[in-house]
N, C-alpha and C. Protein backbone atom coordinates (compact mmCIF):
# COMPACT_ATOMS: atom_id res chain seq x y z
N MET A 1 14.51 -27.13 14.60
CA MET A 1 15.21 -26.71 13.40
C MET A 1 15.83 -25.33 13.64
N ASN A 2 17.11 -25.22 13.37
CA ASN A 2 17.83 -23.98 13.59
C ASN A 2 17.98 -23.24 12.27
N VAL A 3 17.44 -22.01 12.20
CA VAL A 3 17.48 -21.21 10.98
C VAL A 3 18.44 -20.05 11.18
N ASN A 4 19.33 -19.86 10.22
CA ASN A 4 20.27 -18.76 10.27
C ASN A 4 19.61 -17.52 9.68
N PRO A 5 19.47 -16.43 10.46
CA PRO A 5 18.80 -15.24 9.94
C PRO A 5 19.59 -14.51 8.86
N PHE A 6 20.85 -14.88 8.66
CA PHE A 6 21.68 -14.23 7.65
C PHE A 6 21.90 -15.11 6.41
N ASP A 7 21.25 -16.25 6.37
CA ASP A 7 21.35 -17.15 5.22
C ASP A 7 20.49 -16.60 4.08
N PRO A 8 21.09 -16.26 2.93
CA PRO A 8 20.31 -15.69 1.82
C PRO A 8 19.15 -16.58 1.38
N LYS A 9 19.35 -17.89 1.42
CA LYS A 9 18.29 -18.80 1.00
C LYS A 9 17.07 -18.68 1.92
N SER A 10 17.31 -18.60 3.22
CA SER A 10 16.17 -18.49 4.14
C SER A 10 15.50 -17.12 4.04
N ILE A 11 16.27 -16.10 3.67
CA ILE A 11 15.69 -14.76 3.51
C ILE A 11 14.85 -14.67 2.24
N LEU A 12 15.40 -15.11 1.13
CA LEU A 12 14.74 -14.94 -0.16
C LEU A 12 13.66 -15.98 -0.44
N LEU A 13 13.75 -17.14 0.17
CA LEU A 13 12.81 -18.20 -0.13
C LEU A 13 11.83 -18.48 1.01
N ALA A 14 11.74 -17.59 1.98
CA ALA A 14 10.75 -17.77 3.04
C ALA A 14 9.37 -17.76 2.43
N LYS A 15 8.46 -18.51 3.02
CA LYS A 15 7.16 -18.70 2.39
C LYS A 15 6.36 -17.41 2.22
N HIS A 16 6.48 -16.47 3.12
CA HIS A 16 5.66 -15.26 3.02
C HIS A 16 6.39 -14.00 3.47
N ALA A 17 7.65 -14.10 3.82
CA ALA A 17 8.36 -12.97 4.41
C ALA A 17 8.40 -11.74 3.52
N GLN A 18 8.52 -11.95 2.22
CA GLN A 18 8.64 -10.80 1.33
C GLN A 18 7.39 -9.92 1.39
N HIS A 19 6.21 -10.51 1.41
CA HIS A 19 4.98 -9.73 1.47
C HIS A 19 4.90 -8.94 2.78
N VAL A 20 5.23 -9.62 3.86
CA VAL A 20 5.16 -8.98 5.18
C VAL A 20 6.12 -7.80 5.26
N VAL A 21 7.26 -7.89 4.61
CA VAL A 21 8.24 -6.80 4.63
C VAL A 21 7.85 -5.70 3.64
N LEU A 22 7.51 -6.07 2.41
CA LEU A 22 7.24 -5.08 1.37
C LEU A 22 6.00 -4.25 1.61
N ILE A 23 5.02 -4.79 2.29
CA ILE A 23 3.74 -4.09 2.45
C ILE A 23 3.90 -2.76 3.17
N HIS A 24 4.94 -2.65 3.98
CA HIS A 24 5.12 -1.41 4.74
C HIS A 24 5.48 -0.21 3.85
N PHE A 25 6.08 -0.46 2.69
CA PHE A 25 6.47 0.64 1.82
C PHE A 25 5.26 1.40 1.25
N PRO A 26 4.32 0.75 0.57
CA PRO A 26 3.19 1.53 0.06
C PRO A 26 2.32 2.11 1.16
N ILE A 27 2.23 1.41 2.29
CA ILE A 27 1.43 1.95 3.40
C ILE A 27 2.03 3.27 3.87
N ALA A 28 3.31 3.24 4.21
CA ALA A 28 3.97 4.44 4.72
C ALA A 28 4.03 5.55 3.68
N LEU A 29 4.37 5.19 2.44
CA LEU A 29 4.47 6.21 1.40
C LEU A 29 3.13 6.88 1.13
N PHE A 30 2.06 6.10 1.06
CA PHE A 30 0.77 6.71 0.76
C PHE A 30 0.29 7.57 1.93
N ILE A 31 0.40 7.07 3.15
CA ILE A 31 -0.07 7.84 4.30
C ILE A 31 0.71 9.15 4.43
N MET A 32 2.03 9.09 4.25
CA MET A 32 2.82 10.33 4.31
C MET A 32 2.49 11.25 3.14
N GLY A 33 2.26 10.67 1.97
CA GLY A 33 1.87 11.48 0.82
C GLY A 33 0.55 12.19 1.06
N ALA A 34 -0.40 11.49 1.64
CA ALA A 34 -1.70 12.10 1.95
C ALA A 34 -1.53 13.20 3.00
N CYS A 35 -0.69 12.95 4.00
CA CYS A 35 -0.44 13.98 5.02
C CYS A 35 0.19 15.22 4.38
N PHE A 36 1.20 15.01 3.54
CA PHE A 36 1.82 16.14 2.84
C PHE A 36 0.79 16.88 1.99
N ASP A 37 -0.09 16.15 1.33
CA ASP A 37 -1.09 16.77 0.47
C ASP A 37 -2.09 17.59 1.28
N PHE A 38 -2.53 17.06 2.41
CA PHE A 38 -3.45 17.81 3.27
C PHE A 38 -2.80 19.09 3.77
N ILE A 39 -1.54 19.01 4.20
CA ILE A 39 -0.84 20.19 4.70
C ILE A 39 -0.59 21.18 3.55
N ALA A 40 -0.22 20.66 2.38
CA ALA A 40 0.04 21.52 1.22
C ALA A 40 -1.23 22.24 0.80
N ALA A 41 -2.37 21.55 0.86
CA ALA A 41 -3.63 22.19 0.49
C ALA A 41 -3.97 23.32 1.44
N ARG A 42 -3.64 23.14 2.70
CA ARG A 42 -3.94 24.16 3.71
C ARG A 42 -2.96 25.32 3.67
N THR A 43 -1.67 25.02 3.46
CA THR A 43 -0.64 26.07 3.52
C THR A 43 -0.26 26.62 2.15
N LYS A 44 -0.71 25.96 1.07
CA LYS A 44 -0.35 26.34 -0.30
C LYS A 44 1.16 26.26 -0.53
N ASN A 45 1.79 25.29 0.12
CA ASN A 45 3.24 25.10 0.02
C ASN A 45 3.54 24.18 -1.16
N PRO A 46 4.17 24.68 -2.23
CA PRO A 46 4.44 23.85 -3.41
C PRO A 46 5.43 22.72 -3.14
N ALA A 47 6.37 22.92 -2.21
CA ALA A 47 7.34 21.87 -1.90
C ALA A 47 6.63 20.66 -1.27
N LEU A 48 5.66 20.92 -0.42
CA LEU A 48 4.89 19.81 0.17
C LEU A 48 4.03 19.12 -0.88
N GLN A 49 3.55 19.87 -1.85
CA GLN A 49 2.75 19.27 -2.93
C GLN A 49 3.62 18.33 -3.76
N VAL A 50 4.85 18.73 -4.01
CA VAL A 50 5.77 17.87 -4.76
C VAL A 50 6.11 16.62 -3.94
N ALA A 51 6.32 16.80 -2.64
CA ALA A 51 6.60 15.65 -1.76
C ALA A 51 5.40 14.69 -1.75
N ALA A 52 4.21 15.24 -1.73
CA ALA A 52 3.00 14.40 -1.78
C ALA A 52 2.96 13.62 -3.08
N TYR A 53 3.23 14.29 -4.18
CA TYR A 53 3.23 13.65 -5.50
C TYR A 53 4.18 12.46 -5.54
N TYR A 54 5.43 12.66 -5.11
CA TYR A 54 6.41 11.58 -5.18
C TYR A 54 6.07 10.43 -4.22
N ASN A 55 5.62 10.75 -3.03
CA ASN A 55 5.24 9.70 -2.08
C ASN A 55 4.09 8.86 -2.61
N ILE A 56 3.08 9.52 -3.14
CA ILE A 56 1.90 8.80 -3.66
C ILE A 56 2.27 8.01 -4.92
N ALA A 57 3.09 8.58 -5.78
CA ALA A 57 3.51 7.87 -7.00
C ALA A 57 4.30 6.61 -6.65
N TRP A 58 5.23 6.72 -5.71
CA TRP A 58 6.02 5.55 -5.31
C TRP A 58 5.16 4.53 -4.58
N ALA A 59 4.18 4.99 -3.84
CA ALA A 59 3.25 4.05 -3.19
C ALA A 59 2.55 3.21 -4.24
N ALA A 60 2.12 3.85 -5.32
CA ALA A 60 1.45 3.12 -6.41
C ALA A 60 2.39 2.11 -7.06
N VAL A 61 3.64 2.51 -7.26
CA VAL A 61 4.61 1.59 -7.86
C VAL A 61 4.83 0.38 -6.96
N PHE A 62 4.95 0.61 -5.66
CA PHE A 62 5.22 -0.48 -4.72
C PHE A 62 4.03 -1.42 -4.53
N THR A 63 2.84 -1.03 -4.97
CA THR A 63 1.71 -1.96 -4.84
C THR A 63 1.90 -3.18 -5.75
N ILE A 64 2.65 -3.03 -6.82
CA ILE A 64 2.83 -4.14 -7.77
C ILE A 64 3.57 -5.32 -7.11
N PRO A 65 4.77 -5.12 -6.54
CA PRO A 65 5.41 -6.27 -5.90
C PRO A 65 4.64 -6.76 -4.66
N VAL A 66 3.91 -5.87 -4.01
CA VAL A 66 3.13 -6.28 -2.85
C VAL A 66 2.00 -7.22 -3.27
N ILE A 67 1.35 -6.92 -4.37
CA ILE A 67 0.29 -7.80 -4.86
C ILE A 67 0.87 -9.15 -5.25
N VAL A 68 1.98 -9.13 -5.97
CA VAL A 68 2.61 -10.39 -6.41
C VAL A 68 3.01 -11.23 -5.20
N THR A 69 3.69 -10.62 -4.23
CA THR A 69 4.12 -11.38 -3.06
C THR A 69 2.93 -11.80 -2.19
N GLY A 70 1.87 -11.02 -2.20
CA GLY A 70 0.67 -11.43 -1.47
C GLY A 70 0.04 -12.67 -2.06
N LEU A 71 -0.02 -12.72 -3.38
CA LEU A 71 -0.54 -13.92 -4.05
C LEU A 71 0.37 -15.12 -3.81
N LEU A 72 1.68 -14.89 -3.81
CA LEU A 72 2.62 -15.97 -3.51
C LEU A 72 2.48 -16.45 -2.07
N ALA A 73 2.28 -15.51 -1.15
CA ALA A 73 2.08 -15.89 0.25
C ALA A 73 0.81 -16.72 0.41
N TRP A 74 -0.23 -16.35 -0.29
CA TRP A 74 -1.47 -17.12 -0.25
C TRP A 74 -1.20 -18.53 -0.76
N HIS A 75 -0.46 -18.62 -1.85
CA HIS A 75 -0.18 -19.92 -2.45
C HIS A 75 0.73 -20.79 -1.57
N PHE A 76 1.82 -20.21 -1.08
CA PHE A 76 2.81 -21.00 -0.34
C PHE A 76 2.53 -21.06 1.16
N ALA A 77 2.39 -19.92 1.81
CA ALA A 77 2.24 -19.92 3.27
C ALA A 77 0.87 -20.43 3.69
N LEU A 78 -0.16 -20.04 2.95
CA LEU A 78 -1.51 -20.48 3.31
C LEU A 78 -1.96 -21.67 2.48
N GLU A 79 -1.04 -22.19 1.67
CA GLU A 79 -1.28 -23.39 0.86
C GLU A 79 -2.54 -23.28 0.00
N GLY A 80 -2.77 -22.08 -0.55
CA GLY A 80 -3.91 -21.87 -1.44
C GLY A 80 -5.25 -22.07 -0.75
N ALA A 81 -5.30 -21.73 0.53
CA ALA A 81 -6.54 -21.89 1.29
C ALA A 81 -7.71 -21.23 0.56
N SER A 82 -8.90 -21.78 0.76
CA SER A 82 -10.07 -21.22 0.08
C SER A 82 -10.30 -19.78 0.52
N LEU A 83 -10.76 -18.99 -0.43
CA LEU A 83 -10.99 -17.57 -0.16
C LEU A 83 -12.31 -17.41 0.60
N LYS A 84 -12.19 -17.36 1.92
CA LYS A 84 -13.37 -17.13 2.76
C LYS A 84 -12.90 -16.47 4.05
N GLY A 85 -13.82 -15.89 4.75
CA GLY A 85 -13.49 -15.27 6.03
C GLY A 85 -12.53 -14.12 5.89
N ILE A 86 -11.58 -14.06 6.82
CA ILE A 86 -10.62 -12.95 6.88
C ILE A 86 -9.77 -12.89 5.61
N LEU A 87 -9.40 -14.04 5.08
CA LEU A 87 -8.59 -14.05 3.85
C LEU A 87 -9.33 -13.38 2.70
N LEU A 88 -10.60 -13.68 2.55
CA LEU A 88 -11.40 -13.05 1.49
C LEU A 88 -11.53 -11.56 1.73
N TRP A 89 -11.83 -11.17 2.96
CA TRP A 89 -11.97 -9.74 3.26
C TRP A 89 -10.65 -9.00 3.05
N HIS A 90 -9.53 -9.63 3.41
CA HIS A 90 -8.22 -9.01 3.20
C HIS A 90 -7.96 -8.82 1.71
N LEU A 91 -8.27 -9.81 0.91
CA LEU A 91 -8.08 -9.72 -0.53
C LEU A 91 -8.94 -8.61 -1.14
N LEU A 92 -10.21 -8.57 -0.75
CA LEU A 92 -11.12 -7.53 -1.27
C LEU A 92 -10.65 -6.13 -0.86
N ALA A 93 -10.24 -6.00 0.40
CA ALA A 93 -9.76 -4.70 0.88
C ALA A 93 -8.46 -4.31 0.16
N ALA A 94 -7.58 -5.30 -0.08
CA ALA A 94 -6.32 -5.02 -0.77
C ALA A 94 -6.55 -4.57 -2.21
N VAL A 95 -7.48 -5.22 -2.89
CA VAL A 95 -7.80 -4.81 -4.27
C VAL A 95 -8.39 -3.40 -4.27
N THR A 96 -9.29 -3.14 -3.33
CA THR A 96 -9.90 -1.81 -3.23
C THR A 96 -8.84 -0.76 -2.93
N ALA A 97 -7.95 -1.04 -1.98
CA ALA A 97 -6.88 -0.09 -1.63
C ALA A 97 -5.97 0.16 -2.83
N THR A 98 -5.65 -0.90 -3.57
CA THR A 98 -4.78 -0.75 -4.73
C THR A 98 -5.42 0.13 -5.80
N VAL A 99 -6.69 -0.09 -6.05
CA VAL A 99 -7.40 0.73 -7.05
C VAL A 99 -7.46 2.19 -6.58
N LEU A 100 -7.73 2.40 -5.31
CA LEU A 100 -7.78 3.77 -4.77
C LEU A 100 -6.42 4.45 -4.85
N ILE A 101 -5.36 3.73 -4.48
CA ILE A 101 -4.01 4.30 -4.55
C ILE A 101 -3.68 4.66 -6.00
N ALA A 102 -4.00 3.78 -6.93
CA ALA A 102 -3.73 4.06 -8.34
C ALA A 102 -4.53 5.25 -8.84
N THR A 103 -5.76 5.39 -8.38
CA THR A 103 -6.61 6.52 -8.78
C THR A 103 -6.02 7.84 -8.28
N VAL A 104 -5.65 7.86 -7.01
CA VAL A 104 -5.06 9.08 -6.44
C VAL A 104 -3.73 9.39 -7.13
N ALA A 105 -2.93 8.36 -7.38
CA ALA A 105 -1.65 8.57 -8.06
C ALA A 105 -1.87 9.13 -9.46
N ARG A 106 -2.88 8.63 -10.14
CA ARG A 106 -3.21 9.12 -11.49
C ARG A 106 -3.60 10.60 -11.45
N LEU A 107 -4.39 10.98 -10.45
CA LEU A 107 -4.76 12.40 -10.30
C LEU A 107 -3.53 13.27 -10.12
N HIS A 108 -2.63 12.84 -9.24
CA HIS A 108 -1.41 13.61 -8.98
C HIS A 108 -0.50 13.64 -10.21
N LEU A 109 -0.38 12.50 -10.88
CA LEU A 109 0.47 12.42 -12.06
C LEU A 109 -0.02 13.36 -13.15
N ARG A 110 -1.33 13.32 -13.41
CA ARG A 110 -1.90 14.19 -14.46
C ARG A 110 -1.72 15.66 -14.10
N SER A 111 -1.98 15.99 -12.86
CA SER A 111 -1.82 17.38 -12.43
C SER A 111 -0.36 17.84 -12.53
N HIS A 112 0.54 16.95 -12.15
CA HIS A 112 1.97 17.27 -12.19
C HIS A 112 2.45 17.46 -13.63
N ARG A 113 2.02 16.59 -14.52
CA ARG A 113 2.45 16.67 -15.92
C ARG A 113 1.84 17.87 -16.64
N GLU A 114 0.56 18.10 -16.41
CA GLU A 114 -0.14 19.17 -17.12
C GLU A 114 -0.06 20.52 -16.41
N LYS A 115 0.59 20.53 -15.25
CA LYS A 115 0.73 21.76 -14.45
C LYS A 115 -0.64 22.38 -14.14
N THR A 116 -1.59 21.53 -13.76
CA THR A 116 -2.94 21.99 -13.40
C THR A 116 -3.16 21.81 -11.91
N THR A 117 -4.21 22.41 -11.44
CA THR A 117 -4.56 22.31 -10.02
C THR A 117 -5.25 20.97 -9.76
N LEU A 118 -4.91 20.38 -8.63
CA LEU A 118 -5.56 19.13 -8.25
C LEU A 118 -7.01 19.40 -7.84
N PRO A 119 -7.92 18.48 -8.13
CA PRO A 119 -9.32 18.68 -7.71
C PRO A 119 -9.44 18.62 -6.19
N ALA A 120 -10.33 19.41 -5.64
CA ALA A 120 -10.51 19.45 -4.19
C ALA A 120 -11.02 18.13 -3.63
N TRP A 121 -11.75 17.36 -4.45
CA TRP A 121 -12.33 16.11 -3.96
C TRP A 121 -11.29 15.01 -3.77
N ARG A 122 -10.04 15.27 -4.16
CA ARG A 122 -8.99 14.27 -3.94
C ARG A 122 -8.71 14.08 -2.46
N LEU A 123 -8.88 15.14 -1.66
CA LEU A 123 -8.58 15.03 -0.23
C LEU A 123 -9.50 14.03 0.48
N PRO A 124 -10.83 14.10 0.27
CA PRO A 124 -11.67 13.05 0.87
C PRO A 124 -11.34 11.66 0.30
N LEU A 125 -10.98 11.60 -0.98
CA LEU A 125 -10.61 10.32 -1.58
C LEU A 125 -9.34 9.77 -0.92
N GLU A 126 -8.38 10.64 -0.66
CA GLU A 126 -7.15 10.21 0.03
C GLU A 126 -7.47 9.75 1.45
N ALA A 127 -8.38 10.43 2.13
CA ALA A 127 -8.76 10.02 3.49
C ALA A 127 -9.42 8.64 3.48
N VAL A 128 -10.31 8.41 2.53
CA VAL A 128 -10.96 7.10 2.41
C VAL A 128 -9.91 6.04 2.09
N THR A 129 -8.97 6.36 1.24
CA THR A 129 -7.90 5.42 0.88
C THR A 129 -7.08 5.04 2.11
N VAL A 130 -6.75 6.02 2.94
CA VAL A 130 -6.00 5.73 4.17
C VAL A 130 -6.81 4.79 5.07
N LEU A 131 -8.12 5.00 5.17
CA LEU A 131 -8.95 4.12 5.98
C LEU A 131 -8.99 2.70 5.41
N VAL A 132 -9.10 2.58 4.10
CA VAL A 132 -9.12 1.25 3.47
C VAL A 132 -7.76 0.56 3.65
N ILE A 133 -6.68 1.32 3.53
CA ILE A 133 -5.34 0.76 3.77
C ILE A 133 -5.25 0.24 5.21
N GLY A 134 -5.75 1.03 6.15
CA GLY A 134 -5.74 0.61 7.56
C GLY A 134 -6.53 -0.66 7.79
N LEU A 135 -7.71 -0.76 7.17
CA LEU A 135 -8.53 -1.97 7.29
C LEU A 135 -7.79 -3.17 6.69
N THR A 136 -7.20 -2.98 5.53
CA THR A 136 -6.45 -4.06 4.88
C THR A 136 -5.30 -4.53 5.76
N ALA A 137 -4.57 -3.60 6.32
CA ALA A 137 -3.44 -3.94 7.20
C ALA A 137 -3.91 -4.66 8.45
N HIS A 138 -5.02 -4.21 8.99
CA HIS A 138 -5.58 -4.84 10.19
C HIS A 138 -5.94 -6.30 9.92
N LEU A 139 -6.61 -6.54 8.80
CA LEU A 139 -6.98 -7.91 8.44
C LEU A 139 -5.74 -8.75 8.13
N GLY A 140 -4.75 -8.16 7.47
CA GLY A 140 -3.50 -8.86 7.19
C GLY A 140 -2.76 -9.24 8.45
N GLY A 141 -2.86 -8.41 9.48
CA GLY A 141 -2.24 -8.74 10.76
C GLY A 141 -2.82 -10.01 11.35
N PHE A 142 -4.11 -10.21 11.20
CA PHE A 142 -4.73 -11.45 11.68
C PHE A 142 -4.23 -12.65 10.89
N LEU A 143 -4.07 -12.48 9.60
CA LEU A 143 -3.61 -13.59 8.76
C LEU A 143 -2.15 -13.97 9.08
N SER A 144 -1.33 -12.99 9.42
CA SER A 144 0.07 -13.27 9.68
C SER A 144 0.30 -13.71 11.12
N GLY A 145 -0.72 -13.61 11.95
CA GLY A 145 -0.57 -14.04 13.33
C GLY A 145 -0.10 -12.94 14.25
N VAL A 146 0.01 -11.71 13.75
CA VAL A 146 0.45 -10.59 14.59
C VAL A 146 -0.62 -10.20 15.58
N ASN A 147 -1.87 -10.17 15.12
CA ASN A 147 -2.99 -9.79 16.00
C ASN A 147 -3.53 -11.00 16.74
């Protein structure tokens, strides 16, 4: 079967392609936001703090289409396979990562709106979130056949 890579139908209706493509946005945005936040905390640079805020906020926004496309990929590409093994662990890690990203984004949003100082414990929380994101991505790589 010959598939045209520029055919809109094959791009938009692929069984799981949207999830595989979209997932990179919240991963990159959150990791860069956390890096900016760590550097801003050390250097007291307000511009880096603002960059961290926007990166983390957009990472939280992008988790919504990623979750939707992940559920669609499970339904279509994996044909609703039973939740066990790597698929179950990937789902649990993804839910955990999403909750952590939303929590960190909420901290930044509240601090940004109220013009208050961010709590110091957000940095370890951001580090844990990056680790959970990494675990989720690692497990997803096995599901997609990359690993």
